[in-house]
PDB file of N, CA and C in Angstrom:
ATOM      1  N   UNK A   1      67.000  88.007 192.224  1.00  0.00           N
ATOM      2  CA  UNK A   1      66.023  87.457 193.110  1.00  0.00           C
ATOM      3  C   UNK A   1      65.368  86.207 192.517  1.00  0.00           C
ATOM      4  N   UNK A   2      65.082  85.257 193.327  1.00  0.00           N
ATOM      5  CA  UNK A   2      64.296  84.026 192.893  1.00  0.00           C
ATOM      6  C   UNK A   2      63.001  84.051 193.750  1.00  0.00           C
ATOM      7  N   UNK A   3      61.912  83.831 193.100  1.00  0.00           N
ATOM      8  CA  UNK A   3      60.603  83.758 193.920  1.00  0.00           C
ATOM      9  C   UNK A   3      60.292  82.343 194.050  1.00  0.00           C
ATOM     10  N   UNK A   4      59.776  81.917 195.147  1.00  0.00           N
ATOM     11  CA  UNK A   4      59.142  80.551 195.293  1.00  0.00           C
ATOM     12  C   UNK A   4      57.839  80.693 195.850  1.00  0.00           C
ATOM     13  N   UNK A   5      56.782  80.226 195.197  1.00  0.00           N
ATOM     14  CA  UNK A   5      55.369  80.451 195.546  1.00  0.00           C
ATOM     15  C   UNK A   5      55.087  79.677 196.744  1.00  0.00           C
ATOM     16  N   UNK A   6      54.101  80.200 197.555  1.00  0.00           N
ATOM     17  CA  UNK A   6      53.646  79.491 198.789  1.00  0.00           C
ATOM     18  C   UNK A   6      53.295  78.044 198.532  1.00  0.00           C
ATOM     19  N   UNK A   7      52.807  77.669 197.460  1.00  0.00           N
ATOM     20  CA  UNK A   7      52.407  76.277 197.136  1.00  0.00           C
ATOM     21  C   UNK A   7      53.698  75.491 196.989  1.00  0.00           C
ATOM     22  N   UNK A   8      54.668  75.956 196.261  1.00  0.00           N
ATOM     23  CA  UNK A   8      55.941  75.319 196.132  1.00  0.00           C
ATOM     24  C   UNK A   8      56.690  75.161 197.424  1.00  0.00           C
ATOM     25  N   UNK A   9      56.601  76.200 198.281  1.00  0.00           N
ATOM     26  CA  UNK A   9      57.253  76.096 199.624  1.00  0.00           C
ATOM     27  C   UNK A   9      56.602  74.975 200.405  1.00  0.00           C
ATOM     28  N   UNK A  10      55.329  74.962 200.363  1.00  0.00           N
ATOM     29  CA  UNK A  10      54.560  73.895 201.060  1.00  0.00           C
ATOM     30  C   UNK A  10      54.967  72.454 200.631  1.00  0.00           C
ATOM     31  N   UNK A  11      55.095  72.315 199.310  1.00  0.00           N
ATOM     32  CA  UNK A  11      55.552  70.977 198.714  1.00  0.00           C
ATOM     33  C   UNK A  11      57.023  70.652 199.057  1.00  0.00           C
ATOM     34  N   UNK A  12      57.898  71.637 199.136  1.00  0.00           N
ATOM     35  CA  UNK A  12      59.231  71.453 199.477  1.00  0.00           C
ATOM     36  C   UNK A  12      59.347  71.024 200.930  1.00  0.00           C
ATOM     37  N   UNK A  13      58.662  71.730 201.776  1.00  0.00           N
ATOM     38  CA  UNK A  13      58.514  71.401 203.197  1.00  0.00           C
ATOM     39  C   UNK A  13      58.055  69.960 203.462  1.00  0.00           C
ATOM     40  N   UNK A  14      56.996  69.618 202.739  1.00  0.00           N
ATOM     41  CA  UNK A  14      56.422  68.230 202.762  1.00  0.00           C
ATOM     42  C   UNK A  14      57.584  67.206 202.360  1.00  0.00           C
ATOM     43  N   UNK A  15      58.351  67.440 201.298  1.00  0.00           N
ATOM     44  CA  UNK A  15      59.319  66.648 200.812  1.00  0.00           C
ATOM     45  C   UNK A  15      60.533  66.432 201.873  1.00  0.00           C
ATOM     46  N   UNK A  16      60.825  67.572 202.589  1.00  0.00           N
ATOM     47  CA  UNK A  16      61.912  67.542 203.585  1.00  0.00           C
ATOM     48  C   UNK A  16      61.419  66.653 204.679  1.00  0.00           C
ATOM     49  N   UNK A  17      60.140  66.778 205.168  1.00  0.00           N
ATOM     50  CA  UNK A  17      59.649  66.000 206.234  1.00  0.00           C
ATOM     51  C   UNK A  17      59.485  64.475 205.847  1.00  0.00           C
ATOM     52  N   UNK A  18      59.069  64.318 204.699  1.00  0.00           N
ATOM     53  CA  UNK A  18      58.931  62.865 204.210  1.00  0.00           C
ATOM     54  C   UNK A  18      60.207  62.146 204.173  1.00  0.00           C
ATOM     55  N   UNK A  19      61.262  62.824 203.627  1.00  0.00           N
ATOM     56  CA  UNK A  19      62.648  62.262 203.505  1.00  0.00           C
ATOM     57  C   UNK A  19      63.415  62.359 204.819  1.00  0.00           C
ATOM     58  N   UNK A  20      62.870  63.096 205.757  1.00  0.00           N
ATOM     59  CA  UNK A  20      63.712  63.352 207.083  1.00  0.00           C
ATOM     60  C   UNK A  20      65.090  64.033 206.784  1.00  0.00           C
ATOM     61  N   UNK A  21      64.918  65.059 205.906  1.00  0.00           N
ATOM     62  CA  UNK A  21      66.022  65.826 205.585  1.00  0.00           C
ATOM     63  C   UNK A  21      66.156  67.142 206.290  1.00  0.00           C
ATOM     64  N   UNK A  22      67.259  67.551 206.689  1.00  0.00           N
ATOM     65  CA  UNK A  22      67.651  68.846 207.354  1.00  0.00           C
ATOM     66  C   UNK A  22      68.463  69.709 206.380  1.00  0.00           C
ATOM     67  N   UNK A  23      68.207  70.924 206.322  1.00  0.00           N
ATOM     68  CA  UNK A  23      69.020  71.783 205.492  1.00  0.00           C
ATOM     69  C   UNK A  23      68.114  72.586 204.548  1.00  0.00           C
ATOM     70  N   UNK A  24      68.412  72.660 203.319  1.00  0.00           N
ATOM     71  CA  UNK A  24      67.675  73.366 202.328  1.00  0.00           C
ATOM     72  C   UNK A  24      67.661  72.765 200.963  1.00  0.00           C
ATOM     73  N   UNK A  25      66.972  73.554 200.084  1.00  0.00           N
ATOM     74  CA  UNK A  25      66.872  73.036 198.670  1.00  0.00           C
ATOM     75  C   UNK A  25      67.922  73.751 197.826  1.00  0.00           C
ATOM     76  N   UNK A  26      68.803  72.965 197.117  1.00  0.00           N
ATOM     77  CA  UNK A  26      69.785  73.580 196.135  1.00  0.00           C
ATOM     78  C   UNK A  26      69.064  73.632 194.798  1.00  0.00           C
ATOM     79  N   UNK A  27      69.104  74.866 194.246  1.00  0.00           N
ATOM     80  CA  UNK A  27      68.623  75.138 192.979  1.00  0.00           C
ATOM     81  C   UNK A  27      69.897  75.442 192.158  1.00  0.00           C
ATOM     82  N   UNK A  28      70.007  74.867 190.965  1.00  0.00           N
ATOM     83  CA  UNK A  28      71.117  75.192 190.120  1.00  0.00           C
ATOM     84  C   UNK A  28      70.893  74.910 188.725  1.00  0.00           C
ATOM     85  N   UNK A  29      71.859  75.085 187.916  1.00  0.00           N
ATOM     86  CA  UNK A  29      71.854  74.893 186.517  1.00  0.00           C
ATOM     87  C   UNK A  29      73.128  74.181 186.108  1.00  0.00           C
ATOM     88  N   UNK A  30      72.885  73.015 185.309  1.00  0.00           N
ATOM     89  CA  UNK A  30      73.974  72.251 184.866  1.00  0.00           C
ATOM     90  C   UNK A  30      73.917  72.146 183.316  1.00  0.00           C
ATOM     91  N   UNK A  31      75.068  71.930 182.744  1.00  0.00           N
ATOM     92  CA  UNK A  31      75.088  71.700 181.246  1.00  0.00           C
ATOM     93  C   UNK A  31      74.515  70.457 180.896  1.00  0.00           C
ATOM     94  N   UNK A  32      73.757  70.415 179.772  1.00  0.00           N
ATOM     95  CA  UNK A  32      73.122  69.112 179.399  1.00  0.00           C
ATOM     96  C   UNK A  32      71.590  69.237 179.278  1.00  0.00           C
ATOM     97  N   UNK A  33      70.922  68.240 179.061  1.00  0.00           N
ATOM     98  CA  UNK A  33      69.535  68.300 178.825  1.00  0.00           C
ATOM     99  C   UNK A  33      69.220  68.553 177.345  1.00  0.00           C
ATOM    100  N   UNK A  34      68.036  68.346 176.905  1.00  0.00           N
ATOM    101  CA  UNK A  34      67.716  68.474 175.531  1.00  0.00           C
ATOM    102  C   UNK A  34      67.752  69.885 174.894  1.00  0.00           C
ATOM    103  N   UNK A  35      67.747  70.821 175.878  1.00  0.00           N
ATOM    104  CA  UNK A  35      67.963  72.293 175.319  1.00  0.00           C
ATOM    105  C   UNK A  35      69.221  72.905 175.627  1.00  0.00           C
ATOM    106  N   UNK A  36      70.149  72.164 176.195  1.00  0.00           N
ATOM    107  CA  UNK A  36      71.481  72.819 176.490  1.00  0.00           C
ATOM    108  C   UNK A  36      71.764  73.034 177.987  1.00  0.00           C
ATOM    109  N   UNK A  37      70.902  73.380 178.707  1.00  0.00           N
ATOM    110  CA  UNK A  37      71.054  73.528 180.204  1.00  0.00           C
ATOM    111  C   UNK A  37      69.893  72.908 180.965  1.00  0.00           C
ATOM    112  N   UNK A  38      70.119  72.390 182.135  1.00  0.00           N
ATOM    113  CA  UNK A  38      69.044  71.612 182.808  1.00  0.00           C
ATOM    114  C   UNK A  38      69.054  72.169 184.197  1.00  0.00           C
ATOM    115  N   UNK A  39      67.815  72.157 184.879  1.00  0.00           N
ATOM    116  CA  UNK A  39      67.756  72.647 186.257  1.00  0.00           C
ATOM    117  C   UNK A  39      68.210  71.560 187.198  1.00  0.00           C
ATOM    118  N   UNK A  40      68.954  71.975 188.137  1.00  0.00           N
ATOM    119  CA  UNK A  40      69.340  71.006 189.289  1.00  0.00           C
ATOM    120  C   UNK A  40      68.426  71.342 190.505  1.00  0.00           C
ATOM    121  N   UNK A  41      67.974  70.269 191.128  1.00  0.00           N
ATOM    122  CA  UNK A  41      66.883  70.423 192.165  1.00  0.00           C
ATOM    123  C   UNK A  41      67.258  69.304 193.090  1.00  0.00           C
ATOM    124  N   UNK A  42      67.859  69.616 194.302  1.00  0.00           N
ATOM    125  CA  UNK A  42      68.180  68.526 195.243  1.00  0.00           C
ATOM    126  C   UNK A  42      68.257  69.199 196.657  1.00  0.00           C
ATOM    127  N   UNK A  43      68.202  68.311 197.660  1.00  0.00           N
ATOM    128  CA  UNK A  43      68.396  68.632 198.965  1.00  0.00           C
ATOM    129  C   UNK A  43      69.915  68.887 199.264  1.00  0.00           C
ATOM    130  N   UNK A  44      70.226  69.731 200.201  1.00  0.00           N
ATOM    131  CA  UNK A  44      71.554  69.962 200.594  1.00  0.00           C
ATOM    132  C   UNK A  44      71.571  70.367 202.142  1.00  0.00           C
ATOM    133  N   UNK A  45      72.496  69.775 202.858  1.00  0.00           N
ATOM    134  CA  UNK A  45      72.558  69.985 204.291  1.00  0.00           C
ATOM    135  C   UNK A  45      72.926  71.430 204.698  1.00  0.00           C
ATOM    136  N   UNK A  46      73.741  72.175 203.910  1.00  0.00           N
ATOM    137  CA  UNK A  46      73.936  73.461 204.286  1.00  0.00           C
ATOM    138  C   UNK A  46      74.501  74.232 203.016  1.00  0.00           C
ATOM    139  N   UNK A  47      74.444  75.531 203.099  1.00  0.00           N
ATOM    140  CA  UNK A  47      74.957  76.388 201.905  1.00  0.00           C
ATOM    141  C   UNK A  47      76.448  76.338 201.936  1.00  0.00           C
ATOM    142  N   UNK A  48      76.971  76.554 200.667  1.00  0.00           N
ATOM    143  CA  UNK A  48      78.388  76.752 200.522  1.00  0.00           C
ATOM    144  C   UNK A  48      78.755  78.158 200.779  1.00  0.00           C
ATOM    145  N   UNK A  49      80.022  78.486 201.043  1.00  0.00           N
ATOM    146  CA  UNK A  49      80.406  79.971 201.462  1.00  0.00           C
ATOM    147  C   UNK A  49      80.011  80.942 200.433  1.00  0.00           C
ATOM    148  N   UNK A  50      80.013  80.656 199.139  1.00  0.00           N
ATOM    149  CA  UNK A  50      79.618  81.644 198.152  1.00  0.00           C
ATOM    150  C   UNK A  50      78.220  81.615 197.599  1.00  0.00           C
ATOM    151  N   UNK A  51      77.341  80.732 198.199  1.00  0.00           N
ATOM    152  CA  UNK A  51      76.036  80.579 197.764  1.00  0.00           C
ATOM    153  C   UNK A  51      75.217  81.933 198.209  1.00  0.00           C
ATOM    154  N   UNK A  52      74.146  82.217 197.387  1.00  0.00           N
ATOM    155  CA  UNK A  52      73.045  83.077 197.839  1.00  0.00           C
ATOM    156  C   UNK A  52      72.059  82.219 198.538  1.00  0.00           C
ATOM    157  N   UNK A  53      71.640  82.635 199.654  1.00  0.00           N
ATOM    158  CA  UNK A  53      70.748  81.935 200.559  1.00  0.00           C
ATOM    159  C   UNK A  53      69.303  82.812 200.646  1.00  0.00           C
ATOM    160  N   UNK A  54      68.240  82.105 200.203  1.00  0.00           N
ATOM    161  CA  UNK A  54      67.011  82.637 200.303  1.00  0.00           C
ATOM    162  C   UNK A  54      66.165  81.869 201.277  1.00  0.00           C
ATOM    163  N   UNK A  55      65.281  82.657 202.046  1.00  0.00           N
ATOM    164  CA  UNK A  55      64.467  81.985 203.019  1.00  0.00           C
ATOM    165  C   UNK A  55      62.966  82.313 202.601  1.00  0.00           C
ATOM    166  N   UNK A  56      62.142  81.309 202.508  1.00  0.00           N
ATOM    167  CA  UNK A  56      60.785  81.439 202.266  1.00  0.00           C
ATOM    168  C   UNK A  56      59.987  80.676 203.351  1.00  0.00           C
ATOM    169  N   UNK A  57      59.534  81.405 204.207  1.00  0.00           N
ATOM    170  CA  UNK A  57      58.754  80.911 205.358  1.00  0.00           C
ATOM    171  C   UNK A  57      59.400  79.781 206.035  1.00  0.00           C
ATOM    172  N   UNK A  58      60.740  79.903 206.287  1.00  0.00           N
ATOM    173  CA  UNK A  58      61.477  78.791 206.990  1.00  0.00           C
ATOM    174  C   UNK A  58      62.144  77.836 206.027  1.00  0.00           C
ATOM    175  N   UNK A  59      61.852  77.909 204.803  1.00  0.00           N
ATOM    176  CA  UNK A  59      62.418  76.915 203.856  1.00  0.00           C
ATOM    177  C   UNK A  59      63.562  77.600 203.076  1.00  0.00           C
ATOM    178  N   UNK A  60      64.867  77.131 203.286  1.00  0.00           N
ATOM    179  CA  UNK A  60      65.936  77.746 202.723  1.00  0.00           C
ATOM    180  C   UNK A  60      66.174  77.194 201.332  1.00  0.00           C
ATOM    181  N   UNK A  61      66.672  78.133 200.406  1.00  0.00           N
ATOM    182  CA  UNK A  61      67.039  77.869 199.005  1.00  0.00           C
ATOM    183  C   UNK A  61      68.425  78.258 198.801  1.00  0.00           C
ATOM    184  N   UNK A  62      69.256  77.332 198.317  1.00  0.00           N
ATOM    185  CA  UNK A  62      70.670  77.754 198.077  1.00  0.00           C
ATOM    186  C   UNK A  62      70.989  77.759 196.634  1.00  0.00           C
ATOM    187  N   UNK A  63      71.679  78.838 196.101  1.00  0.00           N
ATOM    188  CA  UNK A  63      71.946  78.966 194.682  1.00  0.00           C
ATOM    189  C   UNK A  63      73.453  79.449 194.553  1.00  0.00           C
ATOM    190  N   UNK A  64      74.220  78.703 193.802  1.00  0.00           N
ATOM    191  CA  UNK A  64      75.482  79.015 193.578  1.00  0.00           C
ATOM    192  C   UNK A  64      75.605  80.231 192.648  1.00  0.00           C
ATOM    193  N   UNK A  65      76.760  80.998 192.646  1.00  0.00           N
ATOM    194  CA  UNK A  65      76.814  82.252 191.877  1.00  0.00           C
ATOM    195  C   UNK A  65      76.664  82.063 190.390  1.00  0.00           C
ATOM    196  N   UNK A  66      77.260  80.983 189.839  1.00  0.00           N
ATOM    197  CA  UNK A  66      77.118  80.778 188.422  1.00  0.00           C
ATOM    198  C   UNK A  66      75.782  80.463 188.083  1.00  0.00           C
ATOM    199  N   UNK A  67      75.080  79.659 188.776  1.00  0.00           N
ATOM    200  CA  UNK A  67      73.616  79.288 188.524  1.00  0.00           C
ATOM    201  C   UNK A  67      72.779  80.603 188.667  1.00  0.00           C
ATOM    202  N   UNK A  68      73.080  81.366 189.508  1.00  0.00           N
ATOM    203  CA  UNK A  68      72.208  82.532 189.860  1.00  0.00           C
ATOM    204  C   UNK A  68      72.091  83.441 188.614  1.00  0.00           C
ATOM    205  N   UNK A  69      73.163  83.514 187.761  1.00  0.00           N
ATOM    206  CA  UNK A  69      73.130  84.212 186.502  1.00  0.00           C
ATOM    207  C   UNK A  69      72.023  83.880 185.616  1.00  0.00           C
ATOM    208  N   UNK A  70      71.648  82.543 185.576  1.00  0.00           N
ATOM    209  CA  UNK A  70      70.731  81.901 184.689  1.00  0.00           C
ATOM    210  C   UNK A  70      69.317  81.865 185.503  1.00  0.00           C
ATOM    211  N   UNK A  71      69.333  82.000 186.856  1.00  0.00           N
ATOM    212  CA  UNK A  71      67.975  81.854 187.512  1.00  0.00           C
ATOM    213  C   UNK A  71      67.558  83.125 188.037  1.00  0.00           C
ATOM    214  N   UNK A  72      68.366  84.226 188.056  1.00  0.00           N
ATOM    215  CA  UNK A  72      67.880  85.546 188.570  1.00  0.00           C
ATOM    216  C   UNK A  72      66.477  85.877 187.920  1.00  0.00           C
ATOM    217  N   UNK A  73      65.498  86.115 188.742  1.00  0.00           N
ATOM    218  CA  UNK A  73      64.118  86.577 188.185  1.00  0.00           C
ATOM    219  C   UNK A  73      63.239  85.439 188.000  1.00  0.00           C
ATOM    220  N   UNK A  74      63.711  84.248 188.201  1.00  0.00           N
ATOM    221  CA  UNK A  74      62.921  82.980 188.128  1.00  0.00           C
ATOM    222  C   UNK A  74      61.861  82.801 189.217  1.00  0.00           C
ATOM    223  N   UNK A  75      60.760  82.248 188.911  1.00  0.00           N
ATOM    224  CA  UNK A  75      59.752  81.841 189.854  1.00  0.00           C
ATOM    225  C   UNK A  75      59.567  80.229 189.894  1.00  0.00           C
ATOM    226  N   UNK A  76      59.722  79.733 190.982  1.00  0.00           N
ATOM    227  CA  UNK A  76      59.481  78.270 191.096  1.00  0.00           C
ATOM    228  C   UNK A  76      58.140  78.052 191.739  1.00  0.00           C
ATOM    229  N   UNK A  77      57.343  77.348 191.028  1.00  0.00           N
ATOM    230  CA  UNK A  77      55.880  77.119 191.398  1.00  0.00           C
ATOM    231  C   UNK A  77      55.608  75.621 191.379  1.00  0.00           C
ATOM    232  N   UNK A  78      54.471  75.290 191.923  1.00  0.00           N
ATOM    233  CA  UNK A  78      54.054  73.907 191.978  1.00  0.00           C
ATOM    234  C   UNK A  78      52.598  73.876 191.456  1.00  0.00           C
ATOM    235  N   UNK A  79      52.330  72.981 190.497  1.00  0.00           N
ATOM    236  CA  UNK A  79      51.040  72.882 189.893  1.00  0.00           C
ATOM    237  C   UNK A  79      50.487  71.426 189.964  1.00  0.00           C
ATOM    238  N   UNK A  80      49.168  71.391 190.176  1.00  0.00           N
ATOM    239  CA  UNK A  80      48.535  70.070 190.250  1.00  0.00           C
ATOM    240  C   UNK A  80      47.367  70.202 189.228  1.00  0.00           C
ATOM    241  N   UNK A  81      47.242  69.021 188.435  1.00  0.00           N
ATOM    242  CA  UNK A  81      46.124  69.006 187.460  1.00  0.00           C
ATOM    243  C   UNK A  81      45.775  67.534 187.523  1.00  0.00           C
ATOM    244  N   UNK A  82      44.686  67.267 186.716  1.00  0.00           N
ATOM    245  CA  UNK A  82      44.175  65.877 186.645  1.00  0.00           C
ATOM    246  C   UNK A  82      45.272  65.039 185.825  1.00  0.00           C
ATOM    247  N   UNK A  83      46.052  65.636 184.925  1.00  0.00           N
ATOM    248  CA  UNK A  83      46.992  64.982 184.096  1.00  0.00           C
ATOM    249  C   UNK A  83      48.328  64.759 184.740  1.00  0.00           C
ATOM    250  N   UNK A  84      48.703  65.768 185.567  1.00  0.00           N
ATOM    251  CA  UNK A  84      50.147  65.780 186.093  1.00  0.00           C
ATOM    252  C   UNK A  84      50.253  66.784 187.215  1.00  0.00           C
ATOM    253  N   UNK A  85      51.240  66.569 188.004  1.00  0.00           N
ATOM    254  CA  UNK A  85      51.550  67.587 188.997  1.00  0.00           C
ATOM    255  C   UNK A  85      53.054  67.580 189.199  1.00  0.00           C
ATOM    256  N   UNK A  86      53.598  68.781 189.564  1.00  0.00           N
ATOM    257  CA  UNK A  86      55.014  68.924 189.838  1.00  0.00           C
ATOM    258  C   UNK A  86      55.501  70.334 189.795  1.00  0.00           C
ATOM    259  N   UNK A  87      56.662  70.568 190.040  1.00  0.00           N
ATOM    260  CA  UNK A  87      57.351  71.835 190.109  1.00  0.00           C
ATOM    261  C   UNK A  87      57.451  72.384 188.651  1.00  0.00           C
ATOM    262  N   UNK A  88      57.232  73.689 188.570  1.00  0.00           N
ATOM    263  CA  UNK A  88      57.369  74.370 187.263  1.00  0.00           C
ATOM    264  C   UNK A  88      58.344  75.605 187.435  1.00  0.00           C
ATOM    265  N   UNK A  89      59.301  75.734 186.511  1.00  0.00           N
ATOM    266  CA  UNK A  89      60.210  76.818 186.435  1.00  0.00           C
ATOM    267  C   UNK A  89      59.779  77.844 185.473  1.00  0.00           C
ATOM    268  N   UNK A  90      59.401  79.042 185.924  1.00  0.00           N
ATOM    269  CA  UNK A  90      59.128  80.218 185.128  1.00  0.00           C
ATOM    270  C   UNK A  90      60.332  81.182 185.174  1.00  0.00           C
ATOM    271  N   UNK A  91      61.177  80.961 184.069  1.00  0.00           N
ATOM    272  CA  UNK A  91      62.415  81.687 183.966  1.00  0.00           C
ATOM    273  C   UNK A  91      62.563  82.607 182.813  1.00  0.00           C
ATOM    274  N   UNK A  92      62.536  83.909 183.170  1.00  0.00           N
ATOM    275  CA  UNK A  92      62.550  84.886 182.055  1.00  0.00           C
ATOM    276  C   UNK A  92      63.903  84.860 181.347  1.00  0.00           C
ATOM    277  N   UNK A  93      65.004  84.209 181.894  1.00  0.00           N
ATOM    278  CA  UNK A  93      66.186  84.085 181.118  1.00  0.00           C
ATOM    279  C   UNK A  93      66.251  82.964 180.023  1.00  0.00           C
ATOM    280  N   UNK A  94      65.217  82.090 180.132  1.00  0.00           N
ATOM    281  CA  UNK A  94      65.174  81.002 179.224  1.00  0.00           C
ATOM    282  C   UNK A  94      64.648  81.550 177.830  1.00  0.00           C
ATOM    283  N   UNK A  95      65.443  81.354 176.871  1.00  0.00           N
ATOM    284  CA  UNK A  95      64.955  81.724 175.508  1.00  0.00           C
ATOM    285  C   UNK A  95      64.066  80.633 174.895  1.00  0.00           C
ATOM    286  N   UNK A  96      64.400  79.400 175.259  1.00  0.00           N
ATOM    287  CA  UNK A  96      63.718  78.183 174.678  1.00  0.00           C
ATOM    288  C   UNK A  96      63.668  77.203 175.782  1.00  0.00           C
ATOM    289  N   UNK A  97      62.692  76.408 175.838  1.00  0.00           N
ATOM    290  CA  UNK A  97      62.555  75.334 176.854  1.00  0.00           C
ATOM    291  C   UNK A  97      62.056  74.029 176.244  1.00  0.00           C
ATOM    292  N   UNK A  98      62.431  72.936 176.832  1.00  0.00           N
ATOM    293  CA  UNK A  98      62.063  71.666 176.222  1.00  0.00           C
ATOM    294  C   UNK A  98      60.576  71.405 176.704  1.00  0.00           C
ATOM    295  N   UNK A  99      60.090  70.395 176.108  1.00  0.00           N
ATOM    296  CA  UNK A  99      58.687  69.959 176.439  1.00  0.00           C
ATOM    297  C   UNK A  99      58.509  69.506 177.830  1.00  0.00           C
ATOM    298  N   UNK A 100      59.389  68.957 178.482  1.00  0.00           N
ATOM    299  CA  UNK A 100      59.281  68.393 179.826  1.00  0.00           C
ATOM    300  C   UNK A 100      59.459  69.623 180.763  1.00  0.00           C
ATOM    301  N   UNK A 101      60.093  70.725 180.470  1.00  0.00           N
ATOM    302  CA  UNK A 101      60.115  71.922 181.352  1.00  0.00           C
ATOM    303  C   UNK A 101      61.331  71.787 182.287  1.00  0.00           C
ATOM    304  N   UNK A 102      62.190  70.861 182.134  1.00  0.00           N
ATOM    305  CA  UNK A 102      63.366  70.720 182.951  1.00  0.00           C
ATOM    306  C   UNK A 102      64.676  71.138 182.366  1.00  0.00           C
ATOM    307  N   UNK A 103      64.605  71.544 181.039  1.00  0.00           N
ATOM    308  CA  UNK A 103      65.787  71.990 180.292  1.00  0.00           C
ATOM    309  C   UNK A 103      65.464  73.162 179.525  1.00  0.00           C
ATOM    310  N   UNK A 104      66.501  73.993 179.388  1.00  0.00           N
ATOM    311  CA  UNK A 104      66.316  75.352 178.657  1.00  0.00           C
ATOM    312  C   UNK A 104      67.526  75.829 178.026  1.00  0.00           C
ATOM    313  N   UNK A 105      67.308  76.830 177.114  1.00  0.00           N
ATOM    314  CA  UNK A 105      68.434  77.421 176.381  1.00  0.00           C
ATOM    315  C   UNK A 105      68.363  78.933 176.934  1.00  0.00           C
ATOM    316  N   UNK A 106      69.582  79.410 177.295  1.00  0.00           N
ATOM    317  CA  UNK A 106      69.736  80.860 177.710  1.00  0.00           C
ATOM    318  C   UNK A 106      70.215  81.747 176.625  1.00  0.00           C
TER     319      UNK A 106
END
């Protein structure tokens, strides 16, 4: 299971509206980044046949089976502070993460 906090859902919904995008958010994992694996985070018009599809208050999240292995149990949150704001990945499968928080080692 992947959890998306209400604050993150709200920000995703705002981004969809601002960009005029229909569909869902694709979460995935790609090889690369400073720690070996990096998070993929993009709009997608529809899920692929093998995707796991999650619905959070009307916001759909699509995850392919290979990425789900690395993302199962993860929480996607959104944080705002005086210094910075953005999405945060709290992933129990990450043994080590880079300083920017977008790359990890499983």
